[in-house]
Amino acid sequence: MQSDSELKVGSIMQRNVLSVEEQWPLDRLACFLTDNQISGAPVTGENGKLVGVVSLTDIVRYDSFPESKESPRRPHEYYLHNLDSHVAREEAANYHVEQDSSTTVKDIMTPMVFEIAEKASVQDAADTMVRGHIHRLLVTRNKEIAGIITALDILKAMRASGTDSGIGNVA
C-alpha cells in the first residue's frame, strides 16, 4: 500500500455519487437521504450542473430556526455542524419535515461547493476538510463530478495502511 503522503484521492474516493435536484421538496429530500443512508449530497440544477450541496443538518437547521429563512447565512456556516454518520431508521423519525412543503432543496442548500482533483493527495483532502470545517469533498475531473471523498474514507484508508502519519495535521 502507498504511504499516506503518496495516496491519491482517486484511489479511495467513492465513485457512485448520488445527487439531488434543486427543485425537490424537503420531504422528498429527507426520504432520499435516509433511504440511501447518506447524510448529504451534491445538488444539481435544471441543466444537470452542480449548484450546491445539501445535508440533513440543513433540513434540521431550516425546520428548527424558521427565522433564518429571511436572514442570509455566510457560506462557511453551512458546513460547521454537518452530520457525517449514517442515520439510523429510528433516528430519522426525529427529522420532522412537513408534507407538501413549498420549501425546496434550493431554499436550504449550501450554494458553495468544496472540490478537489482526483490526482490530489489524501493529505491535501484532509487539510481542505480541516480548514473548511467540512466532512466531504466532491472529486472532480475536467470540471465533472468523478466521485466524493469523506472524512470517513480518509480514516478507513489510514486504518488500512496501519499508519498514523499525520494526515490532516494543519500547521
Protein backbone atom coordinates (compact mmCIF):
# COMPACT_ATOMS: atom_id res chain seq x y z
CA MET A 1 0.00 0.00 0.00
CA GLN A 2 1.15 3.57 -0.71
CA SER A 3 2.23 5.83 2.10
CA ASP A 4 -0.37 8.40 3.12
CA SER A 5 1.65 11.22 1.55
CA GLU A 6 1.56 9.35 -1.80
CA LEU A 7 -2.04 8.12 -1.55
CA LYS A 8 -4.24 9.91 -4.07
CA VAL A 9 -7.86 10.93 -3.62
CA GLY A 10 -8.87 8.95 -6.72
CA SER A 11 -7.73 5.69 -5.14
CA ILE A 12 -10.05 5.94 -2.13
CA MET A 13 -12.96 8.08 -3.34
CA GLN A 14 -16.48 6.72 -3.70
CA ARG A 15 -17.31 6.67 -7.39
CA ASN A 16 -21.07 6.23 -7.12
CA VAL A 17 -22.22 9.75 -6.23
CA LEU A 18 -25.90 10.18 -5.52
CA SER A 19 -27.21 13.68 -6.20
CA VAL A 20 -30.46 15.54 -5.65
CA GLU A 21 -32.24 18.13 -7.73
CA GLU A 22 -32.66 21.70 -6.54
CA GLN A 23 -36.45 21.73 -7.10
CA TRP A 24 -37.15 18.70 -4.88
CA PRO A 25 -39.40 19.43 -1.87
CA LEU A 26 -37.88 18.81 1.56
CA ASP A 27 -39.96 15.72 2.29
CA ARG A 28 -38.56 14.05 -0.86
CA LEU A 29 -35.03 15.11 0.10
CA ALA A 30 -35.37 13.72 3.64
CA CYS A 31 -36.65 10.38 2.32
CA PHE A 32 -33.88 10.20 -0.28
CA LEU A 33 -31.12 10.82 2.26
CA THR A 34 -32.44 8.42 4.86
CA ASP A 35 -33.39 5.72 2.31
CA ASN A 36 -29.84 5.80 0.94
CA GLN A 37 -28.31 6.11 4.42
CA ILE A 38 -26.32 9.20 3.50
CA SER A 39 -26.08 12.50 5.34
CA GLY A 40 -25.63 14.80 2.36
CA ALA A 41 -25.47 15.03 -1.41
CA PRO A 42 -24.49 17.36 -4.23
CA VAL A 43 -27.34 19.41 -5.73
CA THR A 44 -27.87 19.77 -9.46
CA GLY A 45 -29.83 22.44 -11.32
CA GLU A 46 -32.19 22.14 -14.26
CA ASN A 47 -29.36 21.60 -16.73
CA GLY A 48 -27.67 18.98 -14.54
CA LYS A 49 -25.00 21.49 -13.49
CA LEU A 50 -23.67 21.31 -9.93
CA VAL A 51 -25.19 24.19 -7.93
CA GLY A 52 -24.56 23.29 -4.29
CA VAL A 53 -24.57 20.72 -1.50
CA VAL A 54 -27.33 19.80 0.96
CA SER A 55 -27.31 17.73 4.15
CA LEU A 56 -29.55 16.50 6.93
CA THR A 57 -28.16 19.34 9.01
CA ASP A 58 -29.59 21.84 6.52
CA ILE A 59 -33.04 20.26 6.93
CA VAL A 60 -32.82 20.34 10.71
CA ARG A 61 -31.48 23.90 10.73
CA TYR A 62 -34.28 25.08 8.44
CA ASP A 63 -37.01 23.33 10.42
CA SER A 64 -35.62 24.37 13.80
CA PHE A 65 -34.93 28.02 13.05
CA PRO A 66 -37.67 29.43 10.81
CA GLU A 67 -36.39 32.96 11.42
CA SER A 68 -33.25 32.01 9.47
CA LYS A 69 -35.37 31.75 6.33
CA GLU A 70 -35.25 35.54 5.94
CA SER A 71 -31.66 36.19 7.01
CA PRO A 72 -28.79 35.23 4.71
CA ARG A 73 -26.09 32.99 6.17
CA ARG A 74 -22.40 33.21 5.47
CA PRO A 75 -21.32 30.27 3.25
CA HIS A 76 -18.88 28.69 5.72
CA GLU A 77 -21.58 28.48 8.41
CA TYR A 78 -23.43 25.90 6.32
CA TYR A 79 -20.63 23.43 6.90
CA LEU A 80 -19.80 23.96 10.54
CA HIS A 81 -22.01 21.29 12.05
CA ASN A 82 -22.70 18.75 9.28
CA LEU A 83 -23.65 15.21 10.18
CA ASP A 84 -21.31 12.71 8.63
CA SER A 85 -22.63 9.50 10.06
CA HIS A 86 -25.40 7.29 8.85
CA VAL A 87 -28.71 7.99 10.48
CA ALA A 88 -30.48 5.01 11.99
CA ARG A 89 -34.04 4.49 10.80
CA GLU A 90 -35.42 5.20 14.29
CA GLU A 91 -33.46 8.46 14.39
CA ALA A 92 -34.84 9.51 11.01
CA ALA A 93 -38.27 9.92 12.59
CA ASN A 94 -36.82 12.79 14.63
CA TYR A 95 -36.28 14.82 11.44
CA HIS A 96 -39.65 16.48 11.09
CA VAL A 97 -40.40 17.61 7.56
CA GLU A 98 -43.83 18.93 6.63
CA GLN A 99 -45.61 17.05 3.89
CA ASP A 100 -46.44 19.20 0.86
CA SER A 101 -43.98 21.89 1.91
CA SER A 102 -43.35 24.56 -0.69
CA THR A 103 -39.75 24.77 0.51
CA THR A 104 -37.29 23.20 -1.91
CA VAL A 105 -33.72 21.95 -1.75
CA LYS A 106 -32.61 25.21 -3.40
CA ASP A 107 -34.02 27.16 -0.43
CA ILE A 108 -31.85 25.37 2.15
CA MET A 109 -28.80 24.08 0.26
CA THR A 110 -25.27 25.35 0.61
CA PRO A 111 -24.53 27.29 -2.60
CA MET A 112 -20.80 26.74 -2.16
CA VAL A 113 -19.09 23.52 -3.23
CA PHE A 114 -15.73 22.30 -1.97
CA GLU A 115 -13.95 20.37 -4.71
CA ILE A 116 -10.68 18.50 -5.07
CA ALA A 117 -8.98 16.85 -8.05
CA GLU A 118 -8.75 13.07 -8.05
CA LYS A 119 -4.98 13.36 -8.53
CA ALA A 120 -4.63 15.39 -5.32
CA SER A 121 -3.12 13.71 -2.30
CA VAL A 122 -5.26 12.42 0.54
CA GLN A 123 -3.20 14.77 2.75
CA ASP A 124 -4.47 17.72 0.68
CA ALA A 125 -8.05 16.46 1.03
CA ALA A 126 -7.68 16.16 4.80
CA ASP A 127 -6.15 19.65 5.02
CA THR A 128 -9.03 21.12 2.98
CA MET A 129 -11.61 19.43 5.19
CA VAL A 130 -9.97 20.68 8.37
CA ARG A 131 -9.60 24.25 7.09
CA GLY A 132 -13.15 24.34 5.72
CA HIS A 133 -14.76 22.61 8.73
CA ILE A 134 -16.38 20.13 6.33
CA HIS A 135 -16.76 16.36 6.14
CA ARG A 136 -16.93 15.73 2.42
CA LEU A 137 -15.36 16.95 -0.81
CA LEU A 138 -16.57 16.45 -4.34
CA VAL A 139 -13.87 14.93 -6.50
CA THR A 140 -13.74 16.44 -9.97
CA ARG A 141 -12.17 15.53 -13.28
CA ASN A 142 -12.37 18.06 -16.13
CA LYS A 143 -14.94 20.05 -14.08
CA GLU A 144 -17.23 16.99 -13.86
CA ILE A 145 -18.04 15.06 -10.68
CA ALA A 146 -15.92 11.91 -10.61
CA GLY A 147 -16.59 10.93 -7.02
CA ILE A 148 -16.84 12.00 -3.42
CA ILE A 149 -14.43 11.63 -0.52
CA THR A 150 -15.45 11.88 3.11
CA ALA A 151 -13.61 12.12 6.38
CA LEU A 152 -14.64 8.51 6.99
CA ASP A 153 -12.97 7.44 3.71
CA ILE A 154 -9.72 9.02 4.90
CA LEU A 155 -9.96 7.30 8.28
CA LYS A 156 -10.59 3.93 6.57
CA ALA A 157 -7.52 4.46 4.34
CA MET A 158 -5.37 5.31 7.36
CA ARG A 159 -6.61 2.23 9.19
CA ALA A 160 -5.96 0.00 6.16
CA SER A 161 -2.43 1.33 5.84
CA GLY A 162 -1.79 0.78 9.54
CA THR A 163 -0.31 4.21 9.99
CA ASP A 164 -0.99 7.47 11.73
CA SER A 165 1.41 9.51 9.64
CA GLY A 166 -0.29 12.80 10.35
CA ILE A 167 -2.96 13.03 7.67
CA GLY A 168 -4.94 16.13 8.46
CA ASN A 169 -2.32 17.89 10.59
CA VAL A 170 -2.62 21.53 9.74
CA ALA A 171 0.04 23.97 10.85
